[in-house]
């Protein structure tokens, strides 16, 4: 699909939700012209959109793409106060998010996973004995 088909004119630069910015080097909006393929960019945007609708700090939602042997892993990082909202009671929100993204990815045949990235570090228990 070309950018011209989207809104009538080609954009000057495209910024993907994962932070990748590509300039309009050619008139064609194909995956060859940019670092992130269009289908991956749409899935990343979908993950970001869904998570932003759940959290209290939507401006702090970050989605990163990692590649492994099986496919793509989308890591979702949110404000520490919003981690519980993204995971949900008994993991229901996280599982629903995973199912929606996997369903959207089946259109392209891609294998994807969604993981919630937390900055929690294991707490060290101070030894009370000297």
Protein backbone atom coordinates (compact mmCIF):
# COMPACT_ATOMS: atom_id res chain seq x y z
CA UNK A 1 0.00 0.00 0.00
CA UNK A 2 1.38 3.40 -0.82
CA UNK A 3 1.34 6.42 1.42
CA UNK A 4 -0.51 8.29 -1.29
CA UNK A 5 -3.39 5.85 -0.95
CA UNK A 6 -3.62 6.65 2.75
CA UNK A 7 -4.16 10.41 2.61
CA UNK A 8 -3.47 11.65 -0.90
CA UNK A 9 0.16 12.66 -0.43
CA UNK A 10 3.40 11.09 0.74
CA UNK A 11 4.56 11.95 4.26
CA UNK A 12 7.85 13.76 4.82
CA UNK A 13 8.88 11.33 7.56
CA UNK A 14 7.28 8.35 9.25
CA UNK A 15 7.69 7.73 12.98
CA UNK A 16 6.79 4.26 14.17
CA UNK A 17 5.51 3.68 17.69
CA UNK A 18 8.74 1.84 18.54
CA UNK A 19 10.72 5.06 18.01
CA UNK A 20 12.04 4.26 14.52
CA UNK A 21 11.93 7.26 12.20
CA UNK A 22 12.26 6.89 8.44
CA UNK A 23 12.40 9.68 5.91
CA UNK A 24 10.59 9.53 2.61
CA UNK A 25 13.50 8.42 0.42
CA UNK A 26 11.17 7.15 -2.29
CA UNK A 27 7.54 7.63 -3.28
CA UNK A 28 6.72 4.05 -2.35
CA UNK A 29 5.70 3.17 1.20
CA UNK A 30 6.88 -0.43 1.03
CA UNK A 31 8.74 -2.43 3.64
CA UNK A 32 11.92 -2.23 1.53
CA UNK A 33 12.15 1.55 2.00
CA UNK A 34 12.01 1.44 5.81
CA UNK A 35 13.71 -0.44 8.63
CA UNK A 36 10.43 -1.76 10.09
CA UNK A 37 8.12 -3.67 7.72
CA UNK A 38 4.65 -2.19 7.40
CA UNK A 39 2.93 -5.23 8.93
CA UNK A 40 5.25 -5.17 11.96
CA UNK A 41 4.72 -1.44 12.37
CA UNK A 42 0.97 -1.93 12.35
CA UNK A 43 1.17 -4.67 14.98
CA UNK A 44 3.42 -2.50 17.15
CA UNK A 45 0.96 0.36 16.76
CA UNK A 46 -1.93 -1.96 17.66
CA UNK A 47 -0.19 -3.10 20.85
CA UNK A 48 0.55 0.50 21.83
CA UNK A 49 -3.02 1.62 21.11
CA UNK A 50 -4.58 -1.19 23.13
CA UNK A 51 -2.28 -0.66 26.12
CA UNK A 52 -2.78 3.12 26.08
CA UNK A 53 -6.51 2.55 26.47
CA UNK A 54 -5.97 0.62 29.70
CA UNK A 55 -3.37 2.67 31.57
CA UNK A 56 -3.48 5.94 33.52
CA UNK A 57 -0.24 7.26 31.97
CA UNK A 58 -0.72 6.63 28.22
CA UNK A 59 2.17 8.92 27.27
CA UNK A 60 4.61 6.55 29.04
CA UNK A 61 3.69 3.43 27.05
CA UNK A 62 6.62 2.00 25.08
CA UNK A 63 6.52 -1.00 22.76
CA UNK A 64 9.79 -2.59 21.69
CA UNK A 65 10.25 -5.35 19.15
CA UNK A 66 12.68 -8.18 19.80
CA UNK A 67 13.36 -10.99 17.36
CA UNK A 68 13.96 -14.62 18.29
CA UNK A 69 13.99 -17.96 16.49
CA UNK A 70 10.21 -18.33 16.57
CA UNK A 71 9.22 -14.80 15.52
CA UNK A 72 8.75 -11.36 17.05
CA UNK A 73 8.36 -10.53 20.71
CA UNK A 74 6.70 -7.21 21.53
CA UNK A 75 7.84 -5.94 24.90
CA UNK A 76 5.46 -3.51 26.57
CA UNK A 77 6.88 -1.11 29.13
CA UNK A 78 4.51 1.11 31.14
CA UNK A 79 4.64 3.43 34.15
CA UNK A 80 5.20 1.41 37.35
CA UNK A 81 1.73 2.34 38.65
CA UNK A 82 0.13 0.86 35.50
CA UNK A 83 1.76 -2.58 35.53
CA UNK A 84 -1.15 -4.07 37.47
CA UNK A 85 -3.67 -2.59 35.04
CA UNK A 86 -1.88 -4.10 32.04
CA UNK A 87 -1.58 -7.52 33.67
CA UNK A 88 -5.08 -7.51 35.13
CA UNK A 89 -6.66 -9.77 37.70
CA UNK A 90 -5.18 -13.26 37.28
CA UNK A 91 -3.50 -12.04 34.06
CA UNK A 92 -6.76 -11.64 32.16
CA UNK A 93 -5.94 -8.29 30.52
CA UNK A 94 -2.48 -9.50 29.45
CA UNK A 95 -3.95 -12.71 28.01
CA UNK A 96 -6.64 -10.79 26.14
CA UNK A 97 -3.96 -8.48 24.71
CA UNK A 98 -1.91 -11.49 23.60
CA UNK A 99 -4.93 -13.11 21.92
CA UNK A 100 -5.88 -9.93 20.04
CA UNK A 101 -2.36 -9.37 18.75
CA UNK A 102 -1.95 -13.02 17.72
CA UNK A 103 -5.27 -12.86 15.88
CA UNK A 104 -4.16 -9.71 14.04
CA UNK A 105 -0.81 -11.33 13.19
CA UNK A 106 -2.44 -14.38 11.58
CA UNK A 107 -3.40 -12.20 8.62
CA UNK A 108 0.29 -11.90 7.71
CA UNK A 109 1.33 -15.33 8.96
CA UNK A 110 3.68 -13.80 11.51
CA UNK A 111 4.39 -15.46 14.84
CA UNK A 112 4.28 -12.94 17.66
CA UNK A 113 4.34 -12.85 21.44
CA UNK A 114 3.50 -10.00 23.79
CA UNK A 115 5.42 -9.65 27.05
CA UNK A 116 5.03 -7.05 29.78
CA UNK A 117 8.44 -5.72 30.78
CA UNK A 118 8.75 -4.68 34.40
CA UNK A 119 11.71 -3.03 36.03
CA UNK A 120 11.18 -4.98 39.23
CA UNK A 121 14.39 -6.32 40.62
CA UNK A 122 14.46 -9.08 43.18
CA UNK A 123 14.56 -7.62 46.64
CA UNK A 124 17.49 -8.64 48.78
CA UNK A 125 16.52 -9.43 52.31
CA UNK A 126 18.94 -7.88 54.75
CA UNK A 127 20.56 -10.42 56.99
CA UNK A 128 19.54 -9.48 60.52
CA UNK A 129 22.26 -11.65 62.03
CA UNK A 130 25.71 -10.13 62.40
